[in-house]
Every structure is written in structure tokens, then in C-alpha cells.
C-alpha atoms as a PDB file:
ATOM      1  CA  MET A   1     271.142   6.798-126.511  1.00  0.00           C
ATOM      2  CA  PRO A   2     273.303   9.204-125.227  1.00  0.00           C
ATOM      3  CA  PRO A   3     270.847  12.122-123.747  1.00  0.00           C
ATOM      4  CA  SER A   4     272.993  15.075-125.982  1.00  0.00           C
ATOM      5  CA  ARG A   5     272.100  12.860-129.092  1.00  0.00           C
ATOM      6  CA  ILE A   6     268.416  13.428-129.140  1.00  0.00           C
ATOM      7  CA  GLN A   7     267.312  16.595-130.515  1.00  0.00           C
ATOM      8  CA  ALA A   8     263.632  15.756-131.621  1.00  0.00           C
ATOM      9  CA  ILE A   9     260.454  15.110-128.972  1.00  0.00           C
ATOM     10  CA  ILE A  10     257.316  14.287-130.991  1.00  0.00           C
ATOM     11  CA  PHE A  11     254.176  13.635-129.031  1.00  0.00           C
ATOM     12  CA  ASP A  12     250.895  11.974-130.085  1.00  0.00           C
ATOM     13  CA  ILE A  13     247.555  14.321-129.036  1.00  0.00           C
ATOM     14  CA  GLY A  14     245.168  11.859-128.115  1.00  0.00           C
ATOM     15  CA  ARG A  15     245.327  11.038-124.495  1.00  0.00           C
ATOM     16  CA  VAL A  16     248.347  12.063-124.534  1.00  0.00           C
ATOM     17  CA  LEU A  17     248.079  16.113-124.806  1.00  0.00           C
ATOM     18  CA  VAL A  18     243.949  15.776-124.732  1.00  0.00           C
ATOM     19  CA  ARG A  19     241.589  13.882-122.646  1.00  0.00           C
ATOM     20  CA  VAL A  20     238.767  11.762-125.106  1.00  0.00           C
ATOM     21  CA  ASP A  21     235.566  10.491-124.276  1.00  0.00           C
ATOM     22  CA  VAL A  22     234.375   9.174-127.484  1.00  0.00           C
ATOM     23  CA  SER A  23     230.970   8.295-125.768  1.00  0.00           C
ATOM     24  CA  ARG A  24     230.256  11.927-125.351  1.00  0.00           C
ATOM     25  CA  ALA A  25     230.220  12.344-129.284  1.00  0.00           C
ATOM     26  CA  MET A  26     228.072   9.267-129.715  1.00  0.00           C
ATOM     27  CA  GLN A  27     225.294  10.172-127.862  1.00  0.00           C
ATOM     28  CA  ASP A  28     224.563  13.314-129.520  1.00  0.00           C
ATOM     29  CA  LEU A  29     224.871  11.478-132.594  1.00  0.00           C
ATOM     30  CA  ALA A  30     222.470   8.820-131.727  1.00  0.00           C
ATOM     31  CA  GLN A  31     219.807  11.197-131.218  1.00  0.00           C
ATOM     32  CA  GLY A  32     216.957  10.037-133.966  1.00  0.00           C
ATOM     33  CA  ILE A  33     218.391   7.293-134.614  1.00  0.00           C
ATOM     34  CA  SER A  34     217.386   3.570-133.179  1.00  0.00           C
ATOM     35  CA  LEU A  35     221.274   2.312-132.844  1.00  0.00           C
ATOM     36  CA  SER A  36     222.139   3.001-128.912  1.00  0.00           C
ATOM     37  CA  PRO A  37     226.262   4.751-129.462  1.00  0.00           C
ATOM     38  CA  GLN A  38     228.274   1.769-128.422  1.00  0.00           C
ATOM     39  CA  GLU A  39     226.737   1.242-131.306  1.00  0.00           C
ATOM     40  CA  ILE A  40     227.027   3.576-133.699  1.00  0.00           C
ATOM     41  CA  TRP A  41     231.508   4.065-132.693  1.00  0.00           C
ATOM     42  CA  THR A  42     231.434   0.673-133.129  1.00  0.00           C
ATOM     43  CA  ALA A  43     230.079   1.085-136.741  1.00  0.00           C
ATOM     44  CA  ILE A  44     231.628   3.995-137.500  1.00  0.00           C
ATOM     45  CA  GLU A  45     234.891   2.656-136.464  1.00  0.00           C
ATOM     46  CA  LYS A  46     234.468  -0.576-139.081  1.00  0.00           C
ATOM     47  CA  ASP A  47     232.443   1.636-141.430  1.00  0.00           C
ATOM     48  CA  PRO A  48     234.683   0.738-144.594  1.00  0.00           C
ATOM     49  CA  ARG A  49     235.809   4.834-145.433  1.00  0.00           C
ATOM     50  CA  TRP A  50     236.981   4.799-141.724  1.00  0.00           C
ATOM     51  CA  GLN A  51     240.328   4.788-142.816  1.00  0.00           C
ATOM     52  CA  ASP A  52     239.646   7.823-145.930  1.00  0.00           C
ATOM     53  CA  TRP A  53     238.295   9.734-143.541  1.00  0.00           C
ATOM     54  CA  GLN A  54     241.590   9.182-140.809  1.00  0.00           C
ATOM     55  CA  GLU A  55     243.812  10.001-144.109  1.00  0.00           C
ATOM     56  CA  GLY A  56     241.673  13.186-145.342  1.00  0.00           C
ATOM     57  CA  ARG A  57     240.097  11.249-148.408  1.00  0.00           C
ATOM     58  CA  ILE A  58     236.921  12.511-147.875  1.00  0.00           C
ATOM     59  CA  SER A  59     235.806  15.822-146.643  1.00  0.00           C
ATOM     60  CA  PRO A  60     234.280  16.586-143.491  1.00  0.00           C
ATOM     61  CA  ARG A  61     230.583  17.349-145.159  1.00  0.00           C
ATOM     62  CA  ASP A  62     230.688  13.823-147.687  1.00  0.00           C
ATOM     63  CA  TRP A  63     232.043  12.428-144.588  1.00  0.00           C
ATOM     64  CA  HIS A  64     228.761  13.536-142.916  1.00  0.00           C
ATOM     65  CA  LEU A  65     226.400  12.683-145.250  1.00  0.00           C
ATOM     66  CA  HIS A  66     228.472   9.270-145.923  1.00  0.00           C
ATOM     67  CA  LEU A  67     227.313   8.660-141.897  1.00  0.00           C
ATOM     68  CA  ALA A  68     223.784  10.152-142.278  1.00  0.00           C
ATOM     69  CA  LYS A  69     223.164   7.832-145.143  1.00  0.00           C
ATOM     70  CA  ARG A  70     224.355   4.317-143.494  1.00  0.00           C
ATOM     71  CA  LEU A  71     223.556   5.461-139.879  1.00  0.00           C
ATOM     72  CA  GLY A  72     220.321   7.510-140.256  1.00  0.00           C
ATOM     73  CA  GLY A  73     220.000  10.510-137.772  1.00  0.00           C
ATOM     74  CA  SER A  74     218.932  14.095-139.361  1.00  0.00           C
ATOM     75  CA  LEU A  75     221.822  16.679-137.594  1.00  0.00           C
ATOM     76  CA  THR A  76     223.071  19.357-139.534  1.00  0.00           C
ATOM     77  CA  PHE A  77     226.079  19.372-140.779  1.00  0.00           C
ATOM     78  CA  GLU A  78     227.183  22.419-138.089  1.00  0.00           C
ATOM     79  CA  GLN A  79     224.866  20.121-135.608  1.00  0.00           C
ATOM     80  CA  PHE A  80     227.067  16.618-136.903  1.00  0.00           C
ATOM     81  CA  THR A  81     230.427  19.332-136.261  1.00  0.00           C
ATOM     82  CA  GLU A  82     229.912  20.104-132.466  1.00  0.00           C
ATOM     83  CA  ALA A  83     228.607  16.587-131.793  1.00  0.00           C
ATOM     84  CA  TRP A  84     231.940  15.087-133.446  1.00  0.00           C
ATOM     85  CA  ASN A  85     233.765  17.562-131.394  1.00  0.00           C
ATOM     86  CA  ARG A  86     231.875  16.441-128.125  1.00  0.00           C
ATOM     87  CA  ALA A  87     234.979  13.904-127.452  1.00  0.00           C
ATOM     88  CA  LEU A  88     237.476  15.802-127.561  1.00  0.00           C
ATOM     89  CA  ASP A  89     237.335  17.310-123.168  1.00  0.00           C
ATOM     90  CA  PRO A  90     238.297  21.186-123.364  1.00  0.00           C
ATOM     91  CA  GLN A  91     240.704  21.285-120.041  1.00  0.00           C
ATOM     92  CA  PRO A  92     243.922  19.655-121.161  1.00  0.00           C
ATOM     93  CA  ILE A  93     246.685  16.928-119.947  1.00  0.00           C
ATOM     94  CA  GLN A  94     250.305  18.466-119.434  1.00  0.00           C
ATOM     95  CA  GLU A  95     250.841  21.843-118.373  1.00  0.00           C
ATOM     96  CA  ASN A  96     252.271  24.095-121.004  1.00  0.00           C
ATOM     97  CA  SER A  97     255.533  24.457-118.645  1.00  0.00           C
ATOM     98  CA  LEU A  98     256.295  20.906-120.254  1.00  0.00           C
ATOM     99  CA  PHE A  99     256.896  21.726-123.519  1.00  0.00           C
ATOM    100  CA  GLU A 100     257.940  25.715-122.278  1.00  0.00           C
ATOM    101  CA  SER A 101     260.971  23.361-120.488  1.00  0.00           C
ATOM    102  CA  LEU A 102     261.652  21.152-123.544  1.00  0.00           C
ATOM    103  CA  ARG A 103     261.661  23.506-126.505  1.00  0.00           C
ATOM    104  CA  LYS A 104     264.444  24.829-125.025  1.00  0.00           C
ATOM    105  CA  ASN A 105     266.936  22.361-126.201  1.00  0.00           C
ATOM    106  CA  PHE A 106     265.020  20.304-128.372  1.00  0.00           C
ATOM    107  CA  ARG A 107     262.852  20.585-131.880  1.00  0.00           C
ATOM    108  CA  ILE A 108     258.864  19.652-130.072  1.00  0.00           C
ATOM    109  CA  GLY A 109     256.869  18.264-132.514  1.00  0.00           C
ATOM    110  CA  LEU A 110     252.980  16.508-133.013  1.00  0.00           C
ATOM    111  CA  LEU A 111     251.633  13.053-134.523  1.00  0.00           C
ATOM    112  CA  SER A 112     248.259  11.796-134.593  1.00  0.00           C
ATOM    113  CA  ASN A 113     246.050  10.042-136.559  1.00  0.00           C
ATOM    114  CA  THR A 114     242.740  12.489-136.490  1.00  0.00           C
ATOM    115  CA  ASP A 115     240.530  14.139-138.888  1.00  0.00           C
ATOM    116  CA  PRO A 116     240.031  17.471-140.392  1.00  0.00           C
ATOM    117  CA  ILE A 117     237.275  18.780-138.165  1.00  0.00           C
ATOM    118  CA  HIS A 118     239.024  17.701-134.937  1.00  0.00           C
ATOM    119  CA  VAL A 119     242.285  19.525-136.517  1.00  0.00           C
ATOM    120  CA  ALA A 120     240.532  22.798-136.305  1.00  0.00           C
ATOM    121  CA  HIS A 121     238.820  22.434-133.524  1.00  0.00           C
ATOM    122  CA  LEU A 122     242.068  21.624-131.510  1.00  0.00           C
ATOM    123  CA  GLU A 123     244.152  24.108-132.797  1.00  0.00           C
ATOM    124  CA  SER A 124     241.190  26.498-132.224  1.00  0.00           C
ATOM    125  CA  THR A 125     240.804  25.608-128.884  1.00  0.00           C
ATOM    126  CA  PHE A 126     244.130  24.237-127.282  1.00  0.00           C
ATOM    127  CA  GLU A 127     246.330  27.105-126.215  1.00  0.00           C
ATOM    128  CA  PHE A 128     250.024  24.482-126.496  1.00  0.00           C
ATOM    129  CA  PHE A 129     249.226  24.449-129.535  1.00  0.00           C
ATOM    130  CA  ARG A 130     251.444  27.591-130.241  1.00  0.00           C
ATOM    131  CA  TYR A 131     254.518  25.870-128.851  1.00  0.00           C
ATOM    132  CA  PHE A 132     254.660  24.028-131.668  1.00  0.00           C
ATOM    133  CA  PRO A 133     254.892  25.042-134.832  1.00  0.00           C
ATOM    134  CA  LYS A 134     252.554  24.080-137.786  1.00  0.00           C
ATOM    135  CA  SER A 135     255.339  22.794-139.861  1.00  0.00           C
ATOM    136  CA  ALA A 136     255.819  20.647-136.753  1.00  0.00           C
ATOM    137  CA  ARG A 137     252.425  19.496-136.810  1.00  0.00           C
ATOM    138  CA  THR A 138     251.620  15.775-138.327  1.00  0.00           C
ATOM    139  CA  TYR A 139     248.002  14.355-139.577  1.00  0.00           C
ATOM    140  CA  SER A 140     247.020  11.441-140.791  1.00  0.00           C
ATOM    141  CA  CYS A 141     243.850  13.423-142.791  1.00  0.00           C
ATOM    142  CA  VAL A 142     246.898  16.034-144.359  1.00  0.00           C
ATOM    143  CA  VAL A 143     249.493  13.511-144.900  1.00  0.00           C
ATOM    144  CA  GLY A 144     247.241  10.856-146.674  1.00  0.00           C
ATOM    145  CA  ALA A 145     248.633   8.618-143.961  1.00  0.00           C
ATOM    146  CA  SER A 146     248.376   6.489-140.208  1.00  0.00           C
ATOM    147  CA  LYS A 147     249.973   5.353-138.260  1.00  0.00           C
ATOM    148  CA  PRO A 148     250.936   2.157-137.478  1.00  0.00           C
ATOM    149  CA  SER A 149     252.475   2.934-141.530  1.00  0.00           C
ATOM    150  CA  PRO A 150     256.241   3.816-141.331  1.00  0.00           C
ATOM    151  CA  LEU A 151     255.101   7.104-143.738  1.00  0.00           C
ATOM    152  CA  ILE A 152     253.587   9.305-140.830  1.00  0.00           C
ATOM    153  CA  PHE A 153     256.993   8.763-138.824  1.00  0.00           C
ATOM    154  CA  ARG A 154     259.596   9.833-141.953  1.00  0.00           C
ATOM    155  CA  GLU A 155     256.564  12.571-142.738  1.00  0.00           C
ATOM    156  CA  ALA A 156     257.571  14.075-138.880  1.00  0.00           C
ATOM    157  CA  LEU A 157     260.883  13.373-138.332  1.00  0.00           C
ATOM    158  CA  LYS A 158     260.801  15.182-142.103  1.00  0.00           C
ATOM    159  CA  SER A 159     259.123  18.130-140.467  1.00  0.00           C
ATOM    160  CA  LEU A 160     261.853  18.108-137.690  1.00  0.00           C
ATOM    161  CA  ARG A 161     264.428  18.204-139.699  1.00  0.00           C
ATOM    162  CA  ALA A 162     265.786  14.789-137.128  1.00  0.00           C
ATOM    163  CA  LYS A 163     266.955  11.578-137.501  1.00  0.00           C
ATOM    164  CA  ALA A 164     265.056   8.777-136.182  1.00  0.00           C
ATOM    165  CA  GLU A 165     267.786   7.304-134.205  1.00  0.00           C
ATOM    166  CA  ALA A 166     268.363  11.149-132.413  1.00  0.00           C
ATOM    167  CA  SER A 167     264.184  11.580-131.856  1.00  0.00           C
ATOM    168  CA  VAL A 168     261.926  10.461-129.239  1.00  0.00           C
ATOM    169  CA  PHE A 169     257.937   9.332-129.620  1.00  0.00           C
ATOM    170  CA  ILE A 170     255.333   9.586-126.977  1.00  0.00           C
ATOM    171  CA  ASP A 171     251.999   7.647-127.331  1.00  0.00           C
ATOM    172  CA  ASP A 172     249.379   6.260-125.100  1.00  0.00           C
ATOM    173  CA  ILE A 173     249.469   3.236-127.415  1.00  0.00           C
ATOM    174  CA  GLU A 174     252.054   0.615-127.663  1.00  0.00           C
ATOM    175  CA  ALA A 175     252.064  -0.847-130.657  1.00  0.00           C
ATOM    176  CA  TYR A 176     252.174   2.598-132.417  1.00  0.00           C
ATOM    177  CA  VAL A 177     254.716   3.375-129.609  1.00  0.00           C
ATOM    178  CA  ASP A 178     256.826   0.236-131.079  1.00  0.00           C
ATOM    179  CA  ALA A 179     256.108   1.121-134.512  1.00  0.00           C
ATOM    180  CA  ALA A 180     258.717   4.411-134.089  1.00  0.00           C
ATOM    181  CA  ARG A 181     261.085   1.922-132.838  1.00  0.00           C
ATOM    182  CA  ARG A 182     261.589  -0.313-135.794  1.00  0.00           C
ATOM    183  CA  LEU A 183     262.412   2.579-137.511  1.00  0.00           C
ATOM    184  CA  GLY A 184     265.286   3.616-135.029  1.00  0.00           C
ATOM    185  CA  MET A 185     263.470   6.187-132.542  1.00  0.00           C
ATOM    186  CA  GLN A 186     263.231   6.618-129.000  1.00  0.00           C
ATOM    187  CA  GLY A 187     259.501   5.032-127.541  1.00  0.00           C
ATOM    188  CA  ILE A 188     258.001   6.134-124.469  1.00  0.00           C
ATOM    189  CA  HIS A 189     254.403   4.260-123.912  1.00  0.00           C
ATOM    190  CA  TYR A 190     251.909   6.841-122.061  1.00  0.00           C
ATOM    191  CA  GLN A 191     250.224   6.601-118.885  1.00  0.00           C
ATOM    192  CA  ASP A 192     250.483   9.383-117.021  1.00  0.00           C
ATOM    193  CA  SER A 193     252.503  12.849-116.701  1.00  0.00           C
ATOM    194  CA  ALA A 194     254.455  11.856-113.901  1.00  0.00           C
ATOM    195  CA  GLN A 195     255.685   8.620-115.836  1.00  0.00           C
ATOM    196  CA  LEU A 196     256.424  10.708-118.951  1.00  0.00           C
ATOM    197  CA  SER A 197     258.158  13.647-117.025  1.00  0.00           C
ATOM    198  CA  ASN A 198     260.353  10.731-115.505  1.00  0.00           C
ATOM    199  CA  ASP A 199     261.092   8.952-118.812  1.00  0.00           C
ATOM    200  CA  LEU A 200     262.364  11.951-120.753  1.00  0.00           C
ATOM    201  CA  ASN A 201     264.598  12.790-118.110  1.00  0.00           C
ATOM    202  CA  THR A 202     265.926   9.732-118.037  1.00  0.00           C
ATOM    203  CA  LEU A 203     266.405  10.675-121.817  1.00  0.00           C
ATOM    204  CA  GLY A 204     268.775  13.621-121.039  1.00  0.00           C
ATOM    205  CA  ALA A 205     265.344  16.459-120.884  1.00  0.00           C
ATOM    206  CA  ASN A 206     266.210  18.309-117.571  1.00  0.00           C
ATOM    207  CA  LEU A 207     262.652  18.880-116.171  1.00  0.00           C
ATOM    208  CA  PRO A 208     262.654  21.655-113.181  1.00  0.00           C
ATOM    209  CA  SER A 209     260.784  18.243-110.447  1.00  0.00           C
END
């Protein structure tokens, strides 16, 4: 794709912009439960309502009650929320200068499989959100669809008023990058910040060295 045709650059959040360590949250959730932290996470991932949680069909308080009923434990909703957010490292991965440079020439947006508890925490914790207008933040729990569904990618493109062929999607999960490519988007499989800068420059971002 000629660099001049790129209009929009869309970032995943987890493990691209924010470090994620699920084990930290599970250690807190394991208090008073006979399961190990790893067993708890496995049970949550396989929970029949996990996708409902990720796609906004269950409220935070109902999710807390649902897990308490299934797994046990006596955490209040406030304690549960604090534990759930501990999976998100407060130190961001990327420097704000990246977004400052990109937004001069491109529309930039976010696209994430995430839940309402994490959204509230992310938006109140990380400075880089100021570079992304609220209208350009596409969350699975708001859209009602999650990656790799084409629906969530189309919502992100719509939010940025960009065509697929003029957009780049960045994610640490290759299957999601492939899903974006199937819609005609450019894709970058994120590995580290240096590789990201190189790949963006190859697509015409002209980031400072």
C-alpha cells in the first residue's frame, strides 16, 4: 500500500499499550477460595458467561455475583473491582511521543476486547487516552462484539471514518491481525516497541528516530 493512502492507525490495548499480568489479579481473587490462582483463571476463561462479560451483556455487579456463586470467595464488589484491575500494570508500554507524532498525520484509535471494569480503570489511569477521542475508542463491551468478529473492526473503522484499505491495525495476537487483514486492513503483529516503530515507518509513519 502506498504510504500516502493510509488514513487511520488502530491500536489494541492489552500487551501493546498496557502490560497485563492476570496472575496478580487471580492471586487476590483466590483469597478464601480452595482453587489456585491458575485454576481460577482457567475457570473464568471457560465460564459460559465470559463472552457475555466481554461483550457487555452482563453488568459488573452481576459478574461479581456470578463468579462469587461459581467459585466462592467473600470479596465485596469494591474489593473484587480492585483485584480485577490489578491485572493492569500502571506503567504504560509506549511513550506518549508515539501518539503525539502519529496524530499529526493520521487518525488514531483504540480497539480492544475488554470489560466495563477495566475500561473505567484504564481511562482514569493512563495519560495516553487523551490522544484518542472518546469516539475513537472501540470496546467489545460497548459494541457487543469481540475480536476476531468482523463487526468490531467495522465499528472501529466507522468511528474513524476510514476505509479498511486505508487503515492499519496493531495487535499482539496474530489471529486478530489476520482477522483485520481479511477485511482489507494492513496489519502489524506487535512484538516490541522497536519493531512497531520500524513497521509503522515502513508504512509511511515517518516517526522520529
